[in-house]
Amino acid sequence: MKKGYYYVVIKNGNFDKVNDVLKTEIENHKWGVIHTMNVDKTVKSNTPHKTYLLCRADYLTEGLKFNKDVISVLIPCRISIYQDKNNIKILVEDVEASSSNFGVEDKRFKAFLKQVSEEMKSILQKTADHFEKRQNNPSM
């Protein structure tokens, strides 16, 4: 069974440095952070953990043409980063896979959502590439 998300692990990473690179890659991919959920503060944890809600106005505009209900649930996209022992883990939802929960069958809409998922995976990959030169494809 698929997990419904992609992730990368940065081994022995510094949370603040990885988080800074992640935010830069989000901007480089023309996404904006519209809200930051400080999961660590909410649960009163000393372990760094943030979830960002991301949006791209052009993607949202395009998605609205296909399905107003579904797109407003799938975008903003979520990307989460947290400390896991000595490693930093970054996860993003597989928007394309999530759409099946809503009964999306329109092939053009699915192709559009695949593009959004690929963009999210690219953010993960480019962030990981800053820290590990070997191939570190986002896992599912």
N, C-alpha and C. Protein backbone atom coordinates (compact mmCIF):
# COMPACT_ATOMS: atom_id res chain seq x y z
N MET A 1 0.85 -1.20 0.00
CA MET A 1 0.00 0.00 0.00
C MET A 1 0.88 1.25 0.00
N LYS A 2 0.50 2.22 -0.78
CA LYS A 2 1.26 3.47 -0.84
C LYS A 2 0.99 4.29 0.41
N LYS A 3 2.01 5.02 0.83
CA LYS A 3 1.89 5.84 2.03
C LYS A 3 1.11 7.13 1.77
N GLY A 4 1.15 7.63 0.54
CA GLY A 4 0.46 8.88 0.25
C GLY A 4 1.33 10.11 0.41
N TYR A 5 2.63 9.88 0.62
CA TYR A 5 3.54 11.01 0.72
C TYR A 5 4.93 10.60 0.23
N TYR A 6 5.73 11.62 -0.05
CA TYR A 6 7.13 11.43 -0.42
C TYR A 6 7.98 12.03 0.68
N TYR A 7 9.20 11.52 0.82
CA TYR A 7 10.07 12.08 1.84
C TYR A 7 11.53 11.92 1.47
N VAL A 8 12.37 12.73 2.10
CA VAL A 8 13.81 12.59 2.03
C VAL A 8 14.33 12.66 3.47
N VAL A 9 15.48 12.04 3.68
CA VAL A 9 16.14 12.07 4.98
C VAL A 9 17.52 12.67 4.78
N ILE A 10 17.82 13.70 5.54
CA ILE A 10 19.15 14.31 5.54
C ILE A 10 19.87 13.78 6.77
N LYS A 11 20.86 12.94 6.54
CA LYS A 11 21.57 12.31 7.66
C LYS A 11 22.47 13.31 8.36
N ASN A 12 22.43 13.27 9.69
CA ASN A 12 23.25 14.14 10.54
C ASN A 12 23.11 15.61 10.15
N GLY A 13 21.90 16.01 9.81
CA GLY A 13 21.66 17.39 9.38
C GLY A 13 21.39 18.32 10.56
N ASN A 14 21.67 19.59 10.34
CA ASN A 14 21.33 20.63 11.29
C ASN A 14 19.96 21.18 10.90
N PHE A 15 19.00 21.13 11.81
CA PHE A 15 17.62 21.50 11.49
C PHE A 15 17.54 22.90 10.88
N ASP A 16 18.15 23.87 11.52
CA ASP A 16 18.02 25.26 11.05
C ASP A 16 18.61 25.43 9.65
N LYS A 17 19.76 24.80 9.39
CA LYS A 17 20.38 24.91 8.05
C LYS A 17 19.50 24.24 7.00
N VAL A 18 19.01 23.04 7.29
CA VAL A 18 18.16 22.32 6.33
C VAL A 18 16.87 23.10 6.11
N ASN A 19 16.29 23.61 7.18
CA ASN A 19 15.05 24.37 7.08
C ASN A 19 15.24 25.63 6.23
N ASP A 20 16.38 26.31 6.38
CA ASP A 20 16.66 27.50 5.57
C ASP A 20 16.75 27.14 4.09
N VAL A 21 17.43 26.03 3.78
CA VAL A 21 17.55 25.59 2.39
C VAL A 21 16.17 25.21 1.85
N LEU A 22 15.38 24.50 2.67
CA LEU A 22 14.03 24.12 2.25
C LEU A 22 13.21 25.35 1.90
N LYS A 23 13.23 26.36 2.74
CA LYS A 23 12.46 27.58 2.46
C LYS A 23 12.94 28.28 1.20
N THR A 24 14.26 28.25 0.97
CA THR A 24 14.81 28.83 -0.27
C THR A 24 14.32 28.05 -1.48
N GLU A 25 14.32 26.71 -1.39
CA GLU A 25 13.86 25.89 -2.51
C GLU A 25 12.36 26.09 -2.77
N ILE A 26 11.59 26.28 -1.72
CA ILE A 26 10.16 26.57 -1.88
C ILE A 26 10.01 27.84 -2.72
N GLU A 27 10.77 28.88 -2.37
CA GLU A 27 10.73 30.14 -3.12
C GLU A 27 11.25 29.96 -4.54
N ASN A 28 12.35 29.21 -4.69
CA ASN A 28 12.92 28.98 -6.03
C ASN A 28 11.94 28.28 -6.96
N HIS A 29 11.04 27.48 -6.40
CA HIS A 29 10.03 26.77 -7.18
C HIS A 29 8.75 27.61 -7.35
N LYS A 30 8.83 28.88 -6.93
CA LYS A 30 7.73 29.85 -7.07
C LYS A 30 6.51 29.55 -6.22
N TRP A 31 6.73 28.82 -5.12
CA TRP A 31 5.67 28.58 -4.16
C TRP A 31 5.82 29.58 -3.03
N GLY A 32 4.73 29.90 -2.38
CA GLY A 32 4.77 30.78 -1.23
C GLY A 32 4.29 30.05 0.00
N VAL A 33 4.92 30.35 1.13
CA VAL A 33 4.46 29.80 2.41
C VAL A 33 3.36 30.72 2.90
N ILE A 34 2.13 30.18 2.97
CA ILE A 34 1.02 31.03 3.40
C ILE A 34 0.72 30.86 4.88
N HIS A 35 1.28 29.80 5.48
CA HIS A 35 1.11 29.59 6.92
C HIS A 35 2.17 28.61 7.40
N THR A 36 2.69 28.86 8.58
CA THR A 36 3.63 27.94 9.22
C THR A 36 3.00 27.42 10.49
N MET A 37 2.91 26.11 10.57
CA MET A 37 2.42 25.47 11.80
C MET A 37 3.65 25.02 12.58
N ASN A 38 3.84 25.58 13.76
CA ASN A 38 4.96 25.21 14.61
C ASN A 38 4.52 24.03 15.48
N VAL A 39 4.60 22.85 14.90
CA VAL A 39 4.14 21.64 15.57
C VAL A 39 4.85 21.46 16.90
N ASP A 40 6.16 21.73 16.93
CA ASP A 40 6.93 21.57 18.15
C ASP A 40 6.41 22.45 19.28
N LYS A 41 6.07 23.69 18.95
CA LYS A 41 5.56 24.62 19.98
C LYS A 41 4.16 24.19 20.45
N THR A 42 3.33 23.75 19.50
CA THR A 42 1.97 23.35 19.82
C THR A 42 1.95 22.18 20.79
N VAL A 43 2.84 21.22 20.57
CA VAL A 43 2.86 20.03 21.45
C VAL A 43 3.90 20.16 22.56
N LYS A 44 4.47 21.37 22.68
CA LYS A 44 5.46 21.67 23.71
C LYS A 44 6.62 20.67 23.70
N SER A 45 7.22 20.55 22.52
CA SER A 45 8.34 19.63 22.33
C SER A 45 9.61 20.43 22.05
N ASN A 46 10.72 19.91 22.51
CA ASN A 46 12.01 20.54 22.21
C ASN A 46 12.58 20.06 20.89
N THR A 47 11.93 19.09 20.25
CA THR A 47 12.38 18.56 18.97
C THR A 47 11.77 19.41 17.85
N PRO A 48 12.62 20.05 17.04
CA PRO A 48 12.11 20.92 15.97
C PRO A 48 11.18 20.18 15.01
N HIS A 49 10.03 20.81 14.72
CA HIS A 49 9.04 20.21 13.82
C HIS A 49 8.13 21.33 13.30
N LYS A 50 8.14 21.52 11.98
CA LYS A 50 7.30 22.55 11.36
C LYS A 50 6.55 21.95 10.18
N THR A 51 5.37 22.47 9.92
CA THR A 51 4.62 22.13 8.72
C THR A 51 4.27 23.44 8.02
N TYR A 52 4.61 23.50 6.74
CA TYR A 52 4.32 24.69 5.94
C TYR A 52 3.14 24.41 5.01
N LEU A 53 2.24 25.38 4.91
CA LEU A 53 1.17 25.32 3.92
C LEU A 53 1.63 26.18 2.75
N LEU A 54 1.69 25.57 1.58
CA LEU A 54 2.23 26.23 0.39
C LEU A 54 1.16 26.46 -0.65
N CYS A 55 1.31 27.56 -1.40
CA CYS A 55 0.39 27.84 -2.48
C CYS A 55 1.14 28.50 -3.62
N ARG A 56 0.68 28.22 -4.82
CA ARG A 56 1.11 28.92 -6.03
C ARG A 56 -0.16 29.42 -6.67
N ALA A 57 -0.29 30.73 -6.78
CA ALA A 57 -1.52 31.32 -7.29
C ALA A 57 -1.86 30.79 -8.68
N ASP A 58 -0.84 30.60 -9.53
CA ASP A 58 -1.13 30.13 -10.89
C ASP A 58 -1.67 28.69 -10.86
N TYR A 59 -1.16 27.85 -9.96
CA TYR A 59 -1.66 26.48 -9.85
C TYR A 59 -3.07 26.46 -9.29
N LEU A 60 -3.31 27.30 -8.29
CA LEU A 60 -4.64 27.37 -7.71
C LEU A 60 -5.65 27.85 -8.75
N THR A 61 -5.29 28.87 -9.52
CA THR A 61 -6.16 29.38 -10.58
C THR A 61 -6.47 28.29 -11.60
N GLU A 62 -5.44 27.56 -12.02
CA GLU A 62 -5.61 26.47 -12.99
C GLU A 62 -6.49 25.37 -12.40
N GLY A 63 -6.23 25.00 -11.15
CA GLY A 63 -7.00 23.94 -10.50
C GLY A 63 -8.47 24.28 -10.35
N LEU A 64 -8.77 25.55 -10.11
CA LEU A 64 -10.16 25.97 -9.97
C LEU A 64 -10.97 25.73 -11.24
N LYS A 65 -10.29 25.78 -12.38
CA LYS A 65 -10.97 25.53 -13.66
C LYS A 65 -11.44 24.08 -13.75
N PHE A 66 -10.73 23.18 -13.08
CA PHE A 66 -11.07 21.76 -13.14
C PHE A 66 -12.15 21.39 -12.11
N ASN A 67 -11.89 21.76 -10.85
CA ASN A 67 -12.78 21.31 -9.79
C ASN A 67 -12.59 22.19 -8.57
N LYS A 68 -13.55 23.09 -8.31
CA LYS A 68 -13.43 24.03 -7.19
C LYS A 68 -13.37 23.33 -5.84
N ASP A 69 -14.16 22.27 -5.69
CA ASP A 69 -14.21 21.60 -4.39
C ASP A 69 -12.90 20.89 -4.07
N VAL A 70 -12.45 20.07 -5.00
CA VAL A 70 -11.27 19.25 -4.75
C VAL A 70 -10.01 20.09 -4.64
N ILE A 71 -9.83 21.04 -5.54
CA ILE A 71 -8.59 21.81 -5.54
C ILE A 71 -8.44 22.61 -4.26
N SER A 72 -9.53 23.09 -3.70
CA SER A 72 -9.43 23.89 -2.48
C SER A 72 -9.09 23.04 -1.26
N VAL A 73 -9.19 21.72 -1.40
CA VAL A 73 -8.76 20.82 -0.33
C VAL A 73 -7.30 20.40 -0.56
N LEU A 74 -6.90 20.24 -1.82
CA LEU A 74 -5.55 19.77 -2.14
C LEU A 74 -4.50 20.88 -2.12
N ILE A 75 -4.89 22.10 -2.44
CA ILE A 75 -3.99 23.24 -2.36
C ILE A 75 -4.61 24.22 -1.38
N PRO A 76 -3.96 24.58 -0.28
CA PRO A 76 -2.52 24.56 -0.14
C PRO A 76 -1.96 23.15 0.09
N CYS A 77 -0.75 22.97 -0.44
CA CYS A 77 -0.02 21.72 -0.23
C CYS A 77 0.73 21.82 1.10
N ARG A 78 0.93 20.69 1.72
CA ARG A 78 1.64 20.65 3.00
C ARG A 78 3.02 20.03 2.81
N ILE A 79 4.00 20.66 3.47
CA ILE A 79 5.34 20.09 3.51
C ILE A 79 5.79 20.18 4.96
N SER A 80 6.32 19.08 5.47
CA SER A 80 6.67 19.02 6.88
C SER A 80 8.15 18.71 7.02
N ILE A 81 8.78 19.31 8.01
CA ILE A 81 10.19 19.07 8.30
C ILE A 81 10.33 18.88 9.80
N TYR A 82 11.07 17.83 10.17
CA TYR A 82 11.29 17.61 11.60
C TYR A 82 12.59 16.86 11.86
N GLN A 83 13.05 17.04 13.09
CA GLN A 83 14.25 16.35 13.56
C GLN A 83 13.84 14.94 13.96
N ASP A 84 14.58 13.94 13.48
CA ASP A 84 14.34 12.54 13.82
C ASP A 84 15.68 11.97 14.28
N LYS A 85 15.91 12.01 15.58
CA LYS A 85 17.21 11.65 16.17
C LYS A 85 18.28 12.55 15.56
N ASN A 86 19.29 11.97 14.86
CA ASN A 86 20.35 12.80 14.27
C ASN A 86 20.03 13.23 12.85
N ASN A 87 18.89 12.86 12.35
CA ASN A 87 18.53 13.14 10.97
C ASN A 87 17.40 14.16 10.87
N ILE A 88 17.28 14.74 9.68
CA ILE A 88 16.17 15.65 9.39
C ILE A 88 15.33 14.97 8.32
N LYS A 89 14.04 14.89 8.56
CA LYS A 89 13.13 14.27 7.61
C LYS A 89 12.19 15.35 7.06
N ILE A 90 12.03 15.33 5.74
CA ILE A 90 11.12 16.28 5.07
C ILE A 90 10.11 15.46 4.29
N LEU A 91 8.84 15.75 4.48
CA LEU A 91 7.76 15.00 3.85
C LEU A 91 6.82 15.93 3.12
N VAL A 92 6.25 15.42 2.03
CA VAL A 92 5.24 16.17 1.30
C VAL A 92 4.16 15.19 0.85
N GLU A 93 2.94 15.65 0.90
CA GLU A 93 1.80 14.83 0.48
C GLU A 93 1.84 14.58 -1.03
N ASP A 94 1.45 13.39 -1.44
CA ASP A 94 1.31 13.07 -2.86
C ASP A 94 -0.08 13.55 -3.28
N VAL A 95 -0.13 14.76 -3.81
CA VAL A 95 -1.40 15.40 -4.18
C VAL A 95 -2.16 14.57 -5.21
N GLU A 96 -1.43 14.02 -6.16
CA GLU A 96 -2.06 13.22 -7.20
C GLU A 96 -2.76 12.00 -6.58
N ALA A 97 -2.07 11.29 -5.71
CA ALA A 97 -2.66 10.11 -5.07
C ALA A 97 -3.84 10.50 -4.18
N SER A 98 -3.72 11.62 -3.48
CA SER A 98 -4.80 12.07 -2.60
C SER A 98 -6.08 12.36 -3.37
N SER A 99 -5.93 12.76 -4.63
CA SER A 99 -7.10 13.13 -5.42
C SER A 99 -8.04 11.93 -5.62
N SER A 100 -7.48 10.72 -5.57
CA SER A 100 -8.34 9.55 -5.76
C SER A 100 -9.32 9.39 -4.61
N ASN A 101 -8.98 9.95 -3.44
CA ASN A 101 -9.91 9.92 -2.31
C ASN A 101 -11.16 10.74 -2.59
N PHE A 102 -11.06 11.64 -3.56
CA PHE A 102 -12.17 12.52 -3.90
C PHE A 102 -12.88 12.08 -5.18
N GLY A 103 -12.49 10.94 -5.70
CA GLY A 103 -13.14 10.41 -6.89
C GLY A 103 -12.79 11.15 -8.17
N VAL A 104 -11.61 11.77 -8.22
CA VAL A 104 -11.19 12.49 -9.41
C VAL A 104 -10.89 11.49 -10.52
N GLU A 105 -11.56 11.66 -11.65
CA GLU A 105 -11.35 10.78 -12.79
C GLU A 105 -10.94 11.54 -14.05
N ASP A 106 -11.16 12.85 -14.07
CA ASP A 106 -10.81 13.67 -15.23
C ASP A 106 -9.31 13.54 -15.51
N LYS A 107 -8.97 13.05 -16.69
CA LYS A 107 -7.56 12.79 -17.03
C LYS A 107 -6.72 14.07 -17.05
N ARG A 108 -7.29 15.15 -17.53
CA ARG A 108 -6.53 16.41 -17.57
C ARG A 108 -6.28 16.93 -16.15
N PHE A 109 -7.28 16.80 -15.30
CA PHE A 109 -7.12 17.24 -13.90
C PHE A 109 -6.08 16.38 -13.21
N LYS A 110 -6.11 15.06 -13.44
CA LYS A 110 -5.12 14.17 -12.85
C LYS A 110 -3.71 14.51 -13.35
N ALA A 111 -3.58 14.85 -14.63
CA ALA A 111 -2.28 15.23 -15.18
C ALA A 111 -1.78 16.52 -14.52
N PHE A 112 -2.70 17.45 -14.28
CA PHE A 112 -2.35 18.69 -13.59
C PHE A 112 -1.87 18.39 -12.17
N LEU A 113 -2.60 17.51 -11.46
CA LEU A 113 -2.22 17.17 -10.09
C LEU A 113 -0.89 16.42 -10.05
N LYS A 114 -0.61 15.64 -11.08
CA LYS A 114 0.69 14.96 -11.17
C LYS A 114 1.81 16.00 -11.29
N GLN A 115 1.55 17.06 -12.05
CA GLN A 115 2.52 18.15 -12.19
C GLN A 115 2.79 18.80 -10.82
N VAL A 116 1.74 19.01 -10.04
CA VAL A 116 1.89 19.59 -8.71
C VAL A 116 2.73 18.65 -7.83
N SER A 117 2.44 17.35 -7.87
CA SER A 117 3.20 16.37 -7.09
C SER A 117 4.67 16.36 -7.50
N GLU A 118 4.91 16.42 -8.80
CA GLU A 118 6.30 16.44 -9.29
C GLU A 118 7.03 17.68 -8.79
N GLU A 119 6.34 18.79 -8.73
CA GLU A 119 6.93 20.03 -8.22
C GLU A 119 7.31 19.87 -6.74
N MET A 120 6.43 19.26 -5.97
CA MET A 120 6.70 19.03 -4.55
C MET A 120 7.91 18.09 -4.38
N LYS A 121 7.96 17.05 -5.19
CA LYS A 121 9.10 16.12 -5.13
C LYS A 121 10.40 16.84 -5.51
N SER A 122 10.32 17.76 -6.45
CA SER A 122 11.49 18.52 -6.85
C SER A 122 12.02 19.38 -5.70
N ILE A 123 11.12 19.97 -4.93
CA ILE A 123 11.53 20.75 -3.76
C ILE A 123 12.30 19.85 -2.79
N LEU A 124 11.79 18.64 -2.57
CA LEU A 124 12.48 17.69 -1.68
C LEU A 124 13.87 17.36 -2.24
N GLN A 125 13.91 17.01 -3.52
CA GLN A 125 15.16 16.57 -4.14
C GLN A 125 16.21 17.68 -4.11
N LYS A 126 15.81 18.88 -4.48
CA LYS A 126 16.77 20.00 -4.53
C LYS A 126 17.27 20.33 -3.12
N THR A 127 16.41 20.22 -2.13
CA THR A 127 16.84 20.45 -0.75
C THR A 127 17.86 19.39 -0.35
N ALA A 128 17.56 18.13 -0.61
CA ALA A 128 18.47 17.04 -0.27
C ALA A 128 19.81 17.18 -0.99
N ASP A 129 19.77 17.63 -2.25
CA ASP A 129 20.99 17.76 -3.05
C ASP A 129 21.99 18.74 -2.43
N HIS A 130 21.50 19.70 -1.64
CA HIS A 130 22.40 20.65 -0.99
C HIS A 130 23.28 19.97 0.05
N PHE A 131 22.80 18.86 0.57
CA PHE A 131 23.48 18.21 1.69
C PHE A 131 24.12 16.88 1.34
N GLU A 132 23.57 16.20 0.37
CA GLU A 132 24.08 14.89 -0.01
C GLU A 132 24.16 14.84 -1.52
N LYS A 133 25.37 14.66 -2.03
CA LYS A 133 25.56 14.70 -3.48
C LYS A 133 25.09 13.43 -4.16
N ARG A 134 25.04 12.32 -3.42
CA ARG A 134 24.58 11.09 -4.05
C ARG A 134 23.09 11.20 -4.37
N GLN A 135 22.63 10.35 -5.25
CA GLN A 135 21.22 10.37 -5.63
C GLN A 135 20.37 10.03 -4.42
N ASN A 136 19.46 10.87 -4.07
CA ASN A 136 18.63 10.70 -2.89
C ASN A 136 17.19 10.97 -3.31
N ASN A 137 16.67 10.12 -4.21
CA ASN A 137 15.33 10.34 -4.74
C ASN A 137 14.29 10.32 -3.64
N PRO A 138 13.32 11.21 -3.73
CA PRO A 138 12.23 11.17 -2.75
C PRO A 138 11.60 9.78 -2.74
N SER A 139 11.43 9.25 -1.57
CA SER A 139 10.86 7.91 -1.40
C SER A 139 9.38 8.00 -1.12
N MET A 140 8.71 6.90 -1.39
CA MET A 140 7.28 6.87 -1.13
C MET A 140 6.99 5.71 -0.23
